[in-house]
PDB file of all heavy atoms in Angstrom:
ATOM      1  N   VAL A   1       0.232   4.246  -2.994  1.00  0.00           N
ATOM      2  CA  VAL A   1       1.686   4.183  -2.949  1.00  0.00           C
ATOM      3  C   VAL A   1       2.078   2.757  -3.297  1.00  0.00           C
ATOM      4  O   VAL A   1       1.589   1.802  -2.692  1.00  0.00           O
ATOM      5  CB  VAL A   1       2.244   4.547  -1.550  1.00  0.00           C
ATOM      6  CG1 VAL A   1       3.755   4.391  -1.524  1.00  0.00           C
ATOM      7  CG2 VAL A   1       1.845   5.957  -1.163  1.00  0.00           C
ATOM      8  N   LEU A   2       2.945   2.625  -4.282  1.00  0.00           N
ATOM      9  CA  LEU A   2       3.526   1.333  -4.620  1.00  0.00           C
ATOM     10  C   LEU A   2       4.959   1.349  -4.120  1.00  0.00           C
ATOM     11  O   LEU A   2       5.773   2.148  -4.580  1.00  0.00           O
ATOM     12  CB  LEU A   2       3.486   1.081  -6.122  1.00  0.00           C
ATOM     13  CG  LEU A   2       4.134  -0.225  -6.579  1.00  0.00           C
ATOM     14  CD1 LEU A   2       3.414  -1.432  -5.986  1.00  0.00           C
ATOM     15  CD2 LEU A   2       4.151  -0.306  -8.097  1.00  0.00           C
ATOM     16  N   ASP A   3       5.256   0.512  -3.134  1.00  0.00           N
ATOM     17  CA  ASP A   3       6.615   0.369  -2.616  1.00  0.00           C
ATOM     18  C   ASP A   3       7.246  -0.784  -3.395  1.00  0.00           C
ATOM     19  O   ASP A   3       6.864  -1.939  -3.224  1.00  0.00           O
ATOM     20  CB  ASP A   3       6.593   0.073  -1.122  1.00  0.00           C
ATOM     21  CG  ASP A   3       7.973   0.157  -0.498  1.00  0.00           C
ATOM     22  OD1 ASP A   3       8.851   0.832  -1.062  1.00  0.00           O
ATOM     23  OD2 ASP A   3       8.172  -0.450   0.571  1.00  0.00           O
ATOM     24  N   GLU A   4       8.172  -0.458  -4.272  1.00  0.00           N
ATOM     25  CA  GLU A   4       8.704  -1.422  -5.227  1.00  0.00           C
ATOM     26  C   GLU A   4      10.237  -1.457  -5.158  1.00  0.00           C
ATOM     27  O   GLU A   4      10.922  -0.914  -6.025  1.00  0.00           O
ATOM     28  CB  GLU A   4       8.224  -1.025  -6.627  1.00  0.00           C
ATOM     29  CG  GLU A   4       8.355  -2.078  -7.660  1.00  0.00           C
ATOM     30  CD  GLU A   4       7.658  -1.675  -8.945  1.00  0.00           C
ATOM     31  OE1 GLU A   4       7.853  -0.544  -9.430  1.00  0.00           O
ATOM     32  OE2 GLU A   4       6.910  -2.510  -9.466  1.00  0.00           O
ATOM     33  N   PRO A   5      10.784  -2.110  -4.111  1.00  0.00           N
ATOM     34  CA  PRO A   5      12.245  -2.178  -3.989  1.00  0.00           C
ATOM     35  C   PRO A   5      12.838  -3.094  -5.066  1.00  0.00           C
ATOM     36  O   PRO A   5      12.147  -3.978  -5.590  1.00  0.00           O
ATOM     37  CB  PRO A   5      12.452  -2.772  -2.596  1.00  0.00           C
ATOM     38  CG  PRO A   5      11.205  -3.523  -2.305  1.00  0.00           C
ATOM     39  CD  PRO A   5      10.099  -2.809  -3.041  1.00  0.00           C
ATOM     40  N   GLU A   6      14.106  -2.883  -5.403  1.00  0.00           N
ATOM     41  CA  GLU A   6      14.755  -3.736  -6.389  1.00  0.00           C
ATOM     42  C   GLU A   6      14.885  -5.163  -5.879  1.00  0.00           C
ATOM     43  O   GLU A   6      14.815  -6.114  -6.649  1.00  0.00           O
ATOM     44  CB  GLU A   6      16.120  -3.162  -6.763  1.00  0.00           C
ATOM     45  CG  GLU A   6      15.988  -1.913  -7.607  1.00  0.00           C
ATOM     46  CD  GLU A   6      17.298  -1.473  -8.217  1.00  0.00           C
ATOM     47  OE1 GLU A   6      18.155  -2.348  -8.504  1.00  0.00           O
ATOM     48  OE2 GLU A   6      17.458  -0.265  -8.413  1.00  0.00           O
ATOM     49  N   GLU A   7      15.103  -5.325  -4.592  1.00  0.00           N
ATOM     50  CA  GLU A   7      15.166  -6.653  -3.966  1.00  0.00           C
ATOM     51  C   GLU A   7      13.970  -6.808  -3.048  1.00  0.00           C
ATOM     52  O   GLU A   7      13.625  -5.904  -2.298  1.00  0.00           O
ATOM     53  CB  GLU A   7      16.469  -6.796  -3.155  1.00  0.00           C
ATOM     54  CG  GLU A   7      17.736  -6.696  -3.989  1.00  0.00           C
ATOM     55  CD  GLU A   7      17.887  -7.847  -4.966  1.00  0.00           C
ATOM     56  OE1 GLU A   7      17.533  -8.985  -4.618  1.00  0.00           O
ATOM     57  OE2 GLU A   7      18.341  -7.588  -6.097  1.00  0.00           O
ATOM     58  N   GLY A   8      13.325  -7.959  -3.086  1.00  0.00           N
ATOM     59  CA  GLY A   8      12.200  -8.204  -2.200  1.00  0.00           C
ATOM     60  C   GLY A   8      10.867  -7.969  -2.881  1.00  0.00           C
ATOM     61  O   GLY A   8      10.791  -7.595  -4.049  1.00  0.00           O
ATOM     62  N   GLU A   9       9.813  -8.193  -2.122  1.00  0.00           N
ATOM     63  CA  GLU A   9       8.449  -8.098  -2.630  1.00  0.00           C
ATOM     64  C   GLU A   9       7.953  -6.649  -2.675  1.00  0.00           C
ATOM     65  O   GLU A   9       8.222  -5.865  -1.774  1.00  0.00           O
ATOM     66  CB  GLU A   9       7.501  -8.903  -1.729  1.00  0.00           C
ATOM     67  CG  GLU A   9       7.739 -10.391  -1.785  1.00  0.00           C
ATOM     68  CD  GLU A   9       7.306 -10.994  -3.114  1.00  0.00           C
ATOM     69  OE1 GLU A   9       6.194 -10.688  -3.583  1.00  0.00           O
ATOM     70  OE2 GLU A   9       8.100 -11.769  -3.678  1.00  0.00           O
ATOM     71  N   ALA A  10       7.199  -6.344  -3.712  1.00  0.00           N
ATOM     72  CA  ALA A  10       6.537  -5.050  -3.810  1.00  0.00           C
ATOM     73  C   ALA A  10       5.284  -5.067  -2.936  1.00  0.00           C
ATOM     74  O   ALA A  10       4.707  -6.123  -2.669  1.00  0.00           O
ATOM     75  CB  ALA A  10       6.168  -4.755  -5.253  1.00  0.00           C
ATOM     76  N   ARG A  11       4.880  -3.876  -2.474  1.00  0.00           N
ATOM     77  CA  ARG A  11       3.672  -3.723  -1.667  1.00  0.00           C
ATOM     78  C   ARG A  11       2.881  -2.538  -2.187  1.00  0.00           C
ATOM     79  O   ARG A  11       3.457  -1.550  -2.613  1.00  0.00           O
ATOM     80  CB  ARG A  11       4.021  -3.500  -0.194  1.00  0.00           C
ATOM     81  CG  ARG A  11       4.794  -4.656   0.407  1.00  0.00           C
ATOM     82  CD  ARG A  11       5.249  -4.383   1.830  1.00  0.00           C
ATOM     83  NE  ARG A  11       6.042  -3.156   1.871  1.00  0.00           N
ATOM     84  CZ  ARG A  11       6.093  -2.330   2.922  1.00  0.00           C
ATOM     85  NH1 ARG A  11       5.406  -2.586   4.013  1.00  0.00           N
ATOM     86  NH2 ARG A  11       6.839  -1.253   2.895  1.00  0.00           N
ATOM     87  N   LEU A  12       1.572  -2.657  -2.129  1.00  0.00           N
ATOM     88  CA  LEU A  12       0.688  -1.595  -2.599  1.00  0.00           C
ATOM     89  C   LEU A  12      -0.204  -1.134  -1.455  1.00  0.00           C
ATOM     90  O   LEU A  12      -0.765  -1.960  -0.729  1.00  0.00           O
ATOM     91  CB  LEU A  12      -0.174  -2.108  -3.758  1.00  0.00           C
ATOM     92  CG  LEU A  12      -1.170  -1.114  -4.349  1.00  0.00           C
ATOM     93  CD1 LEU A  12      -0.462   0.059  -5.022  1.00  0.00           C
ATOM     94  CD2 LEU A  12      -2.079  -1.823  -5.343  1.00  0.00           C
ATOM     95  N   PHE A  13      -0.339   0.178  -1.311  1.00  0.00           N
ATOM     96  CA  PHE A  13      -1.186   0.780  -0.286  1.00  0.00           C
ATOM     97  C   PHE A  13      -2.170   1.722  -0.982  1.00  0.00           C
ATOM     98  O   PHE A  13      -1.763   2.520  -1.826  1.00  0.00           O
ATOM     99  CB  PHE A  13      -0.355   1.588   0.712  1.00  0.00           C
ATOM    100  CG  PHE A  13       0.714   0.768   1.388  1.00  0.00           C
ATOM    101  CD1 PHE A  13       1.978   0.658   0.826  1.00  0.00           C
ATOM    102  CD2 PHE A  13       0.452   0.102   2.577  1.00  0.00           C
ATOM    103  CE1 PHE A  13       2.971  -0.094   1.435  1.00  0.00           C
ATOM    104  CE2 PHE A  13       1.439  -0.650   3.194  1.00  0.00           C
ATOM    105  CZ  PHE A  13       2.699  -0.756   2.626  1.00  0.00           C
ATOM    106  N   ILE A  14      -3.441   1.642  -0.618  1.00  0.00           N
ATOM    107  CA  ILE A  14      -4.477   2.501  -1.201  1.00  0.00           C
ATOM    108  C   ILE A  14      -5.141   3.289  -0.080  1.00  0.00           C
ATOM    109  O   ILE A  14      -5.496   2.726   0.959  1.00  0.00           O
ATOM    110  CB  ILE A  14      -5.532   1.670  -1.951  1.00  0.00           C
ATOM    111  CG1 ILE A  14      -4.887   0.935  -3.119  1.00  0.00           C
ATOM    112  CG2 ILE A  14      -6.672   2.561  -2.449  1.00  0.00           C
ATOM    113  CD1 ILE A  14      -5.817  -0.029  -3.833  1.00  0.00           C
ATOM    114  N   ASP A  15      -5.335   4.575  -0.310  1.00  0.00           N
ATOM    115  CA  ASP A  15      -6.035   5.427   0.650  1.00  0.00           C
ATOM    116  C   ASP A  15      -7.538   5.227   0.451  1.00  0.00           C
ATOM    117  O   ASP A  15      -8.214   6.035  -0.177  1.00  0.00           O
ATOM    118  CB  ASP A  15      -5.632   6.884   0.450  1.00  0.00           C
ATOM    119  CG  ASP A  15      -6.182   7.793   1.523  1.00  0.00           C
ATOM    120  OD1 ASP A  15      -6.694   7.284   2.545  1.00  0.00           O
ATOM    121  OD2 ASP A  15      -6.109   9.019   1.334  1.00  0.00           O
ATOM    122  N   THR A  16      -8.051   4.135   0.989  1.00  0.00           N
ATOM    123  CA  THR A  16      -9.440   3.711   0.787  1.00  0.00           C
ATOM    124  C   THR A  16     -10.438   4.809   1.091  1.00  0.00           C
ATOM    125  O   THR A  16     -11.356   5.064   0.318  1.00  0.00           O
ATOM    126  CB  THR A  16      -9.750   2.478   1.663  1.00  0.00           C
ATOM    127  OG1 THR A  16      -8.882   1.412   1.259  1.00  0.00           O
ATOM    128  CG2 THR A  16     -11.196   2.040   1.528  1.00  0.00           C
ATOM    129  N   ASN A  17     -10.271   5.476   2.219  1.00  0.00           N
ATOM    130  CA  ASN A  17     -11.256   6.481   2.641  1.00  0.00           C
ATOM    131  C   ASN A  17     -10.886   7.902   2.214  1.00  0.00           C
ATOM    132  O   ASN A  17     -11.616   8.839   2.516  1.00  0.00           O
ATOM    133  CB  ASN A  17     -11.479   6.419   4.154  1.00  0.00           C
ATOM    134  CG  ASN A  17     -10.207   6.646   4.929  1.00  0.00           C
ATOM    135  OD1 ASN A  17      -9.174   7.034   4.376  1.00  0.00           O
ATOM    136  ND2 ASN A  17     -10.272   6.385   6.226  1.00  0.00           N
ATOM    137  N   GLY A  18      -9.761   8.083   1.548  1.00  0.00           N
ATOM    138  CA  GLY A  18      -9.401   9.397   1.015  1.00  0.00           C
ATOM    139  C   GLY A  18      -8.978  10.420   2.039  1.00  0.00           C
ATOM    140  O   GLY A  18      -8.955  11.615   1.746  1.00  0.00           O
ATOM    141  N   ASP A  19      -8.559   9.989   3.243  1.00  0.00           N
ATOM    142  CA  ASP A  19      -8.177  10.957   4.275  1.00  0.00           C
ATOM    143  C   ASP A  19      -6.687  11.272   4.298  1.00  0.00           C
ATOM    144  O   ASP A  19      -6.226  12.054   5.113  1.00  0.00           O
ATOM    145  CB  ASP A  19      -8.645  10.486   5.655  1.00  0.00           C
ATOM    146  CG  ASP A  19      -7.889   9.270   6.172  1.00  0.00           C
ATOM    147  OD1 ASP A  19      -7.069   8.688   5.423  1.00  0.00           O
ATOM    148  OD2 ASP A  19      -8.124   8.889   7.332  1.00  0.00           O
ATOM    149  N   GLY A  20      -5.903  10.643   3.417  1.00  0.00           N
ATOM    150  CA  GLY A  20      -4.470  10.913   3.365  1.00  0.00           C
ATOM    151  C   GLY A  20      -3.628  10.063   4.302  1.00  0.00           C
ATOM    152  O   GLY A  20      -2.403  10.081   4.215  1.00  0.00           O
ATOM    153  N   ASP A  21      -4.249   9.320   5.194  1.00  0.00           N
ATOM    154  CA  ASP A  21      -3.537   8.484   6.166  1.00  0.00           C
ATOM    155  C   ASP A  21      -3.575   7.031   5.683  1.00  0.00           C
ATOM    156  O   ASP A  21      -4.605   6.369   5.757  1.00  0.00           O
ATOM    157  CB  ASP A  21      -4.196   8.611   7.534  1.00  0.00           C
ATOM    158  CG  ASP A  21      -3.467   7.835   8.621  1.00  0.00           C
ATOM    159  OD1 ASP A  21      -2.597   6.993   8.306  1.00  0.00           O
ATOM    160  OD2 ASP A  21      -3.780   8.066   9.804  1.00  0.00           O
ATOM    161  N   LEU A  22      -2.433   6.536   5.206  1.00  0.00           N
ATOM    162  CA  LEU A  22      -2.360   5.171   4.673  1.00  0.00           C
ATOM    163  C   LEU A  22      -2.089   4.126   5.752  1.00  0.00           C
ATOM    164  O   LEU A  22      -1.945   2.949   5.439  1.00  0.00           O
ATOM    165  CB  LEU A  22      -1.277   5.082   3.600  1.00  0.00           C
ATOM    166  CG  LEU A  22      -1.572   5.864   2.324  1.00  0.00           C
ATOM    167  CD1 LEU A  22      -0.389   5.826   1.377  1.00  0.00           C
ATOM    168  CD2 LEU A  22      -2.807   5.348   1.650  1.00  0.00           C
ATOM    169  N   THR A  23      -2.048   4.530   7.018  1.00  0.00           N
ATOM    170  CA  THR A  23      -1.771   3.579   8.097  1.00  0.00           C
ATOM    171  C   THR A  23      -3.039   2.968   8.685  1.00  0.00           C
ATOM    172  O   THR A  23      -2.942   2.081   9.518  1.00  0.00           O
ATOM    173  CB  THR A  23      -0.963   4.248   9.229  1.00  0.00           C
ATOM    174  OG1 THR A  23      -1.751   5.287   9.828  1.00  0.00           O
ATOM    175  CG2 THR A  23       0.341   4.821   8.698  1.00  0.00           C
ATOM    176  N   LYS A  24      -4.203   3.434   8.268  1.00  0.00           N
ATOM    177  CA  LYS A  24      -5.442   2.907   8.853  1.00  0.00           C
ATOM    178  C   LYS A  24      -6.457   2.459   7.812  1.00  0.00           C
ATOM    179  O   LYS A  24      -7.639   2.401   8.078  1.00  0.00           O
ATOM    180  CB  LYS A  24      -6.054   3.926   9.812  1.00  0.00           C
ATOM    181  CG  LYS A  24      -6.365   5.268   9.210  1.00  0.00           C
ATOM    182  CD  LYS A  24      -6.882   6.232  10.263  1.00  0.00           C
ATOM    183  CE  LYS A  24      -7.251   7.544   9.609  1.00  0.00           C
ATOM    184  NZ  LYS A  24      -7.798   8.486  10.540  1.00  0.00           N
ATOM    185  N   ASP A  25      -5.962   2.105   6.638  1.00  0.00           N
ATOM    186  CA  ASP A  25      -6.822   1.595   5.576  1.00  0.00           C
ATOM    187  C   ASP A  25      -6.721   0.072   5.517  1.00  0.00           C
ATOM    188  O   ASP A  25      -5.740  -0.512   5.984  1.00  0.00           O
ATOM    189  CB  ASP A  25      -6.397   2.196   4.225  1.00  0.00           C
ATOM    190  CG  ASP A  25      -6.646   3.685   4.176  1.00  0.00           C
ATOM    191  OD1 ASP A  25      -7.818   4.083   4.207  1.00  0.00           O
ATOM    192  OD2 ASP A  25      -5.667   4.449   4.110  1.00  0.00           O
ATOM    193  N   PRO A  26      -7.731  -0.585   4.920  1.00  0.00           N
ATOM    194  CA  PRO A  26      -7.647  -2.041   4.799  1.00  0.00           C
ATOM    195  C   PRO A  26      -6.412  -2.455   4.002  1.00  0.00           C
ATOM    196  O   PRO A  26      -5.990  -1.746   3.078  1.00  0.00           O
ATOM    197  CB  PRO A  26      -8.923  -2.413   4.037  1.00  0.00           C
ATOM    198  CG  PRO A  26      -9.825  -1.242   4.147  1.00  0.00           C
ATOM    199  CD  PRO A  26      -8.948  -0.045   4.342  1.00  0.00           C
ATOM    200  N   ALA A  27      -5.845  -3.595   4.361  1.00  0.00           N
ATOM    201  CA  ALA A  27      -4.680  -4.108   3.633  1.00  0.00           C
ATOM    202  C   ALA A  27      -5.072  -4.420   2.189  1.00  0.00           C
ATOM    203  O   ALA A  27      -6.188  -4.860   1.918  1.00  0.00           O
ATOM    204  CB  ALA A  27      -4.149  -5.359   4.314  1.00  0.00           C
ATOM    205  N   THR A  28      -4.148  -4.178   1.293  1.00  0.00           N
ATOM    206  CA  THR A  28      -4.336  -4.495  -0.116  1.00  0.00           C
ATOM    207  C   THR A  28      -3.677  -5.831  -0.409  1.00  0.00           C
ATOM    208  O   THR A  28      -2.549  -6.064   0.012  1.00  0.00           O
ATOM    209  CB  THR A  28      -3.685  -3.387  -0.988  1.00  0.00           C
ATOM    210  OG1 THR A  28      -4.280  -2.138  -0.661  1.00  0.00           O
ATOM    211  CG2 THR A  28      -3.881  -3.653  -2.452  1.00  0.00           C
ATOM    212  N   GLU A  29      -4.369  -6.700  -1.114  1.00  0.00           N
ATOM    213  CA  GLU A  29      -3.756  -7.945  -1.572  1.00  0.00           C
ATOM    214  C   GLU A  29      -2.838  -7.599  -2.744  1.00  0.00           C
ATOM    215  O   GLU A  29      -3.268  -6.935  -3.686  1.00  0.00           O
ATOM    216  CB  GLU A  29      -4.830  -8.923  -2.060  1.00  0.00           C
ATOM    217  CG  GLU A  29      -5.782  -9.392  -1.012  1.00  0.00           C
ATOM    218  CD  GLU A  29      -6.891 -10.262  -1.598  1.00  0.00           C
ATOM    219  OE1 GLU A  29      -6.662 -10.913  -2.644  1.00  0.00           O
ATOM    220  OE2 GLU A  29      -7.978 -10.261  -1.018  1.00  0.00           O
ATOM    221  N   TRP A  30      -1.579  -8.051  -2.690  1.00  0.00           N
ATOM    222  CA  TRP A  30      -0.625  -7.705  -3.748  1.00  0.00           C
ATOM    223  C   TRP A  30       0.409  -8.819  -3.818  1.00  0.00           C
ATOM    224  O   TRP A  30       1.241  -8.937  -2.925  1.00  0.00           O
ATOM    225  CB  TRP A  30       0.025  -6.359  -3.436  1.00  0.00           C
ATOM    226  CG  TRP A  30       0.699  -5.704  -4.591  1.00  0.00           C
ATOM    227  CD1 TRP A  30       2.032  -5.373  -4.678  1.00  0.00           C
ATOM    228  CD2 TRP A  30       0.115  -5.261  -5.813  1.00  0.00           C
ATOM    229  NE1 TRP A  30       2.297  -4.768  -5.881  1.00  0.00           N
ATOM    230  CE2 TRP A  30       1.130  -4.685  -6.596  1.00  0.00           C
ATOM    231  CE3 TRP A  30      -1.171  -5.312  -6.341  1.00  0.00           C
ATOM    232  CZ2 TRP A  30       0.900  -4.154  -7.861  1.00  0.00           C
ATOM    233  CZ3 TRP A  30      -1.401  -4.787  -7.596  1.00  0.00           C
ATOM    234  CH2 TRP A  30      -0.371  -4.213  -8.334  1.00  0.00           C
ATOM    235  N   THR A  31       0.348  -9.644  -4.845  1.00  0.00           N
ATOM    236  CA  THR A  31       1.174 -10.834  -4.944  1.00  0.00           C
ATOM    237  C   THR A  31       1.907 -10.860  -6.279  1.00  0.00           C
ATOM    238  O   THR A  31       1.310 -10.587  -7.324  1.00  0.00           O
ATOM    239  CB  THR A  31       0.288 -12.099  -4.841  1.00  0.00           C
ATOM    240  OG1 THR A  31      -0.495 -12.000  -3.665  1.00  0.00           O
ATOM    241  CG2 THR A  31       1.129 -13.350  -4.795  1.00  0.00           C
TER     242      THR A  31
END
């Protein structure tokens, strides 16, 4: 999931383990 608001910083989330839960995966570096 790429959260890309018009104002502010974008954030990227990857489902590292493939379980569908993006709240317990390692943080993605996104600058």
